[in-house]
Amino acid sequence: MRFQAAIQKYNEEYAKKPMQYKKSVRKKMKTMGYIPTFRDIKGVPKFHSKKQGKLSYTTNQTNGNIKIRQENGECFLCIPKFKEGISMILHRDVPADGVIKKATVKREGTRYMVSLSIDYPFKVPQLQEDLSPDDVIGLDYSQEQLYVDSNGHIAGYTRYHKIIENRQR
């Protein structure tokens, strides 16, 4: 019953048009007195899987419909199915000049993970024109040490490299 009260409150306060239920659910409500749940609301994203166990929902950027909003120290991801925003934790800052191209929401057990595909300009560093021969180093393959550079330094590999040396041959 709490769910029904929440839907009614949402319809009164926030919704431009009231939430609608799926056609099959409306029919069940009329005939059998079925009480709808969150999954019965029309417009809630469905998690599809090509293979069993991988539940994901992907949406593409169209006219700025995917954006990250920050309010009072919290981050919200706004996607077409959740325009008011979903609270989230950013583990890496998004580049300021980047454009979000795609968002994939993946469900792993009870947790939800969001993967964002971001397009941003990358500046290629300029190549050095005036190099002296002392600044250039050459690497050669070595069976025992894997490589030796032109100055005679070797790769100081650990004990594991010595153990698998026979298998490498």
Protein backbone atom coordinates (compact mmCIF):
# COMPACT_ATOMS: atom_id res chain seq x y z
CA MET A 1 0.00 0.00 0.00
CA ARG A 2 2.96 2.33 0.60
CA PHE A 3 3.86 2.02 -3.09
CA GLN A 4 0.39 3.17 -4.15
CA ALA A 5 0.63 6.20 -1.85
CA ALA A 6 4.03 7.10 -3.29
CA ILE A 7 2.67 6.90 -6.86
CA GLN A 8 -0.29 9.09 -5.95
CA LYS A 9 2.01 11.66 -4.29
CA TYR A 10 4.30 11.66 -7.35
CA ASN A 11 1.34 12.18 -9.69
CA GLU A 12 0.06 15.10 -7.60
CA GLU A 13 3.36 16.93 -7.03
CA TYR A 14 5.85 16.20 -9.81
CA ALA A 15 4.32 14.59 -12.85
CA LYS A 16 3.30 16.64 -15.87
CA LYS A 17 1.14 13.70 -16.82
CA PRO A 18 0.22 10.93 -14.39
CA MET A 19 2.24 7.72 -14.33
CA GLN A 20 0.72 5.06 -16.49
CA TYR A 21 0.77 1.32 -16.06
CA LYS A 22 1.40 -1.21 -18.80
CA LYS A 23 -1.66 -2.35 -20.73
CA SER A 24 -1.51 -5.92 -19.40
CA VAL A 25 -1.31 -4.62 -15.82
CA ARG A 26 -4.30 -2.29 -16.29
CA LYS A 27 -6.29 -5.29 -17.47
CA LYS A 28 -5.25 -7.34 -14.41
CA MET A 29 -6.19 -4.42 -12.14
CA LYS A 30 -9.73 -4.30 -13.59
CA THR A 31 -10.45 -8.02 -13.71
CA MET A 32 -8.54 -9.54 -10.79
CA GLY A 33 -7.94 -6.59 -8.47
CA TYR A 34 -4.17 -6.85 -9.00
CA ILE A 35 -2.05 -4.35 -7.04
CA PRO A 36 0.70 -2.99 -9.32
CA THR A 37 4.37 -2.78 -8.33
CA PHE A 38 7.26 -0.58 -9.46
CA ARG A 39 8.04 -2.88 -12.39
CA ASP A 40 4.51 -2.45 -13.76
CA ILE A 41 4.93 1.29 -14.43
CA LYS A 42 5.14 2.24 -18.09
CA GLY A 43 8.49 3.82 -18.97
CA VAL A 44 10.66 2.11 -16.35
CA PRO A 45 13.78 0.83 -18.15
CA LYS A 46 13.97 -2.87 -18.84
CA PHE A 47 17.28 -4.58 -18.35
CA HIS A 48 17.96 -6.75 -21.39
CA SER A 49 20.64 -9.38 -21.70
CA LYS A 50 22.16 -11.00 -24.75
CA LYS A 51 23.56 -13.66 -22.48
CA GLN A 52 22.20 -14.77 -19.17
CA GLY A 53 23.44 -12.85 -16.15
CA LYS A 54 24.39 -9.62 -17.94
CA LEU A 55 21.63 -7.11 -17.26
CA SER A 56 22.16 -3.69 -18.82
CA TYR A 57 20.31 -0.65 -20.16
CA THR A 58 22.03 1.57 -22.75
CA THR A 59 20.97 4.98 -23.99
CA ASN A 60 22.62 7.24 -26.55
CA GLN A 61 23.11 11.01 -26.43
CA THR A 62 20.43 12.94 -28.31
CA ASN A 63 20.03 16.71 -27.87
CA GLY A 64 21.77 16.73 -24.47
CA ASN A 65 19.53 14.14 -22.80
CA ILE A 66 22.42 12.61 -20.80
CA LYS A 67 24.10 14.91 -18.31
CA ILE A 68 25.79 14.94 -14.91
CA ARG A 69 24.38 17.46 -12.44
CA GLN A 70 26.05 18.39 -9.15
CA GLU A 71 24.05 19.82 -6.24
CA ASN A 72 25.15 20.29 -2.64
CA GLY A 73 28.19 18.05 -3.09
CA GLU A 74 26.15 15.18 -4.61
CA CYS A 75 26.31 13.98 -8.20
CA PHE A 76 23.23 13.05 -10.20
CA LEU A 77 23.11 11.29 -13.56
CA CYS A 78 20.20 12.48 -15.70
CA ILE A 79 19.13 10.02 -18.41
CA PRO A 80 15.89 9.91 -20.43
CA LYS A 81 14.14 7.41 -18.14
CA PHE A 82 15.17 9.30 -14.97
CA LYS A 83 15.11 13.00 -15.84
CA GLU A 84 15.20 14.13 -12.20
CA GLY A 85 18.54 12.32 -11.80
CA ILE A 86 19.96 9.24 -10.13
CA SER A 87 22.31 9.75 -7.20
CA MET A 88 25.77 8.41 -7.99
CA ILE A 89 29.40 8.40 -6.89
CA LEU A 90 31.94 9.62 -9.45
CA HIS A 91 35.25 7.79 -9.14
CA ARG A 92 36.91 9.99 -11.77
CA ASP A 93 36.28 13.57 -12.85
CA VAL A 94 34.69 14.07 -16.26
CA PRO A 95 36.73 16.33 -18.59
CA ALA A 96 35.26 19.83 -18.75
CA ASP A 97 35.35 19.95 -22.56
CA GLY A 98 34.11 16.36 -22.95
CA VAL A 99 30.74 15.34 -24.43
CA ILE A 100 28.89 12.30 -23.08
CA LYS A 101 28.04 10.04 -26.02
CA LYS A 102 26.54 6.96 -24.36
CA ALA A 103 25.51 5.75 -20.91
CA THR A 104 25.17 2.09 -19.95
CA VAL A 105 23.59 1.15 -16.62
CA LYS A 106 24.59 -2.37 -15.62
CA ARG A 107 23.12 -4.35 -12.73
CA GLU A 108 25.53 -6.63 -10.88
CA GLY A 109 23.68 -8.37 -8.07
CA THR A 110 22.15 -5.61 -5.94
CA ARG A 111 24.52 -2.91 -7.22
CA TYR A 112 24.18 -0.73 -10.29
CA MET A 113 27.20 0.50 -12.25
CA VAL A 114 27.16 3.24 -14.88
CA SER A 115 29.65 3.30 -17.72
CA LEU A 116 29.92 6.57 -19.65
CA SER A 117 31.42 6.91 -23.11
CA ILE A 118 32.89 10.42 -23.34
CA ASP A 119 34.32 12.14 -26.41
CA TYR A 120 36.87 14.84 -25.64
CA PRO A 121 39.66 16.50 -27.63
CA PHE A 122 43.11 15.08 -27.05
CA LYS A 123 46.17 17.26 -27.56
CA VAL A 124 49.11 15.46 -29.17
CA PRO A 125 52.43 16.59 -27.71
CA GLN A 126 54.93 18.10 -30.11
CA LEU A 127 57.85 15.90 -31.17
CA GLN A 128 61.35 17.07 -30.30
CA GLU A 129 63.28 18.11 -33.35
CA ASP A 130 66.79 18.56 -31.95
CA LEU A 131 67.86 15.25 -30.37
CA SER A 132 71.44 14.35 -29.67
CA PRO A 133 72.62 10.73 -30.03
CA ASP A 134 73.08 10.60 -26.23
CA ASP A 135 69.35 11.16 -25.72
CA VAL A 136 68.38 8.12 -27.85
CA ILE A 137 68.42 4.61 -26.42
CA GLY A 138 68.20 1.30 -28.27
CA LEU A 139 66.67 -1.93 -26.93
CA ASP A 140 67.83 -5.41 -27.96
CA TYR A 141 66.19 -8.77 -27.21
CA SER A 142 68.11 -11.05 -24.84
CA GLN A 143 67.14 -14.65 -24.03
CA GLU A 144 68.42 -14.53 -20.45
CA GLN A 145 67.43 -11.00 -19.42
CA LEU A 146 64.61 -10.34 -21.94
CA TYR A 147 66.20 -7.09 -23.08
CA VAL A 148 69.47 -5.16 -22.99
CA ASP A 149 69.63 -1.46 -23.81
CA SER A 150 72.40 0.27 -25.77
CA ASN A 151 74.05 1.45 -22.53
CA GLY A 152 74.42 -2.15 -21.29
CA HIS A 153 71.65 -2.05 -18.69
CA ILE A 154 69.53 -5.18 -18.29
CA ALA A 155 65.99 -5.69 -17.03
CA GLY A 156 66.29 -6.73 -13.40
CA TYR A 157 63.54 -9.33 -13.45
CA THR A 158 62.62 -11.24 -10.36
CA ARG A 159 62.95 -14.91 -9.50
CA TYR A 160 59.83 -15.79 -11.51
CA HIS A 161 61.58 -15.02 -14.79
CA LYS A 162 64.38 -17.48 -13.90
CA ILE A 163 61.81 -20.20 -13.09
CA ILE A 164 59.99 -19.98 -16.45
CA GLU A 165 63.18 -19.49 -18.49
CA ASN A 166 63.17 -23.12 -19.70
CA ARG A 167 59.53 -22.90 -20.75
CA GLN A 168 60.18 -19.70 -22.70
CA ARG A 169 62.72 -21.42 -24.90
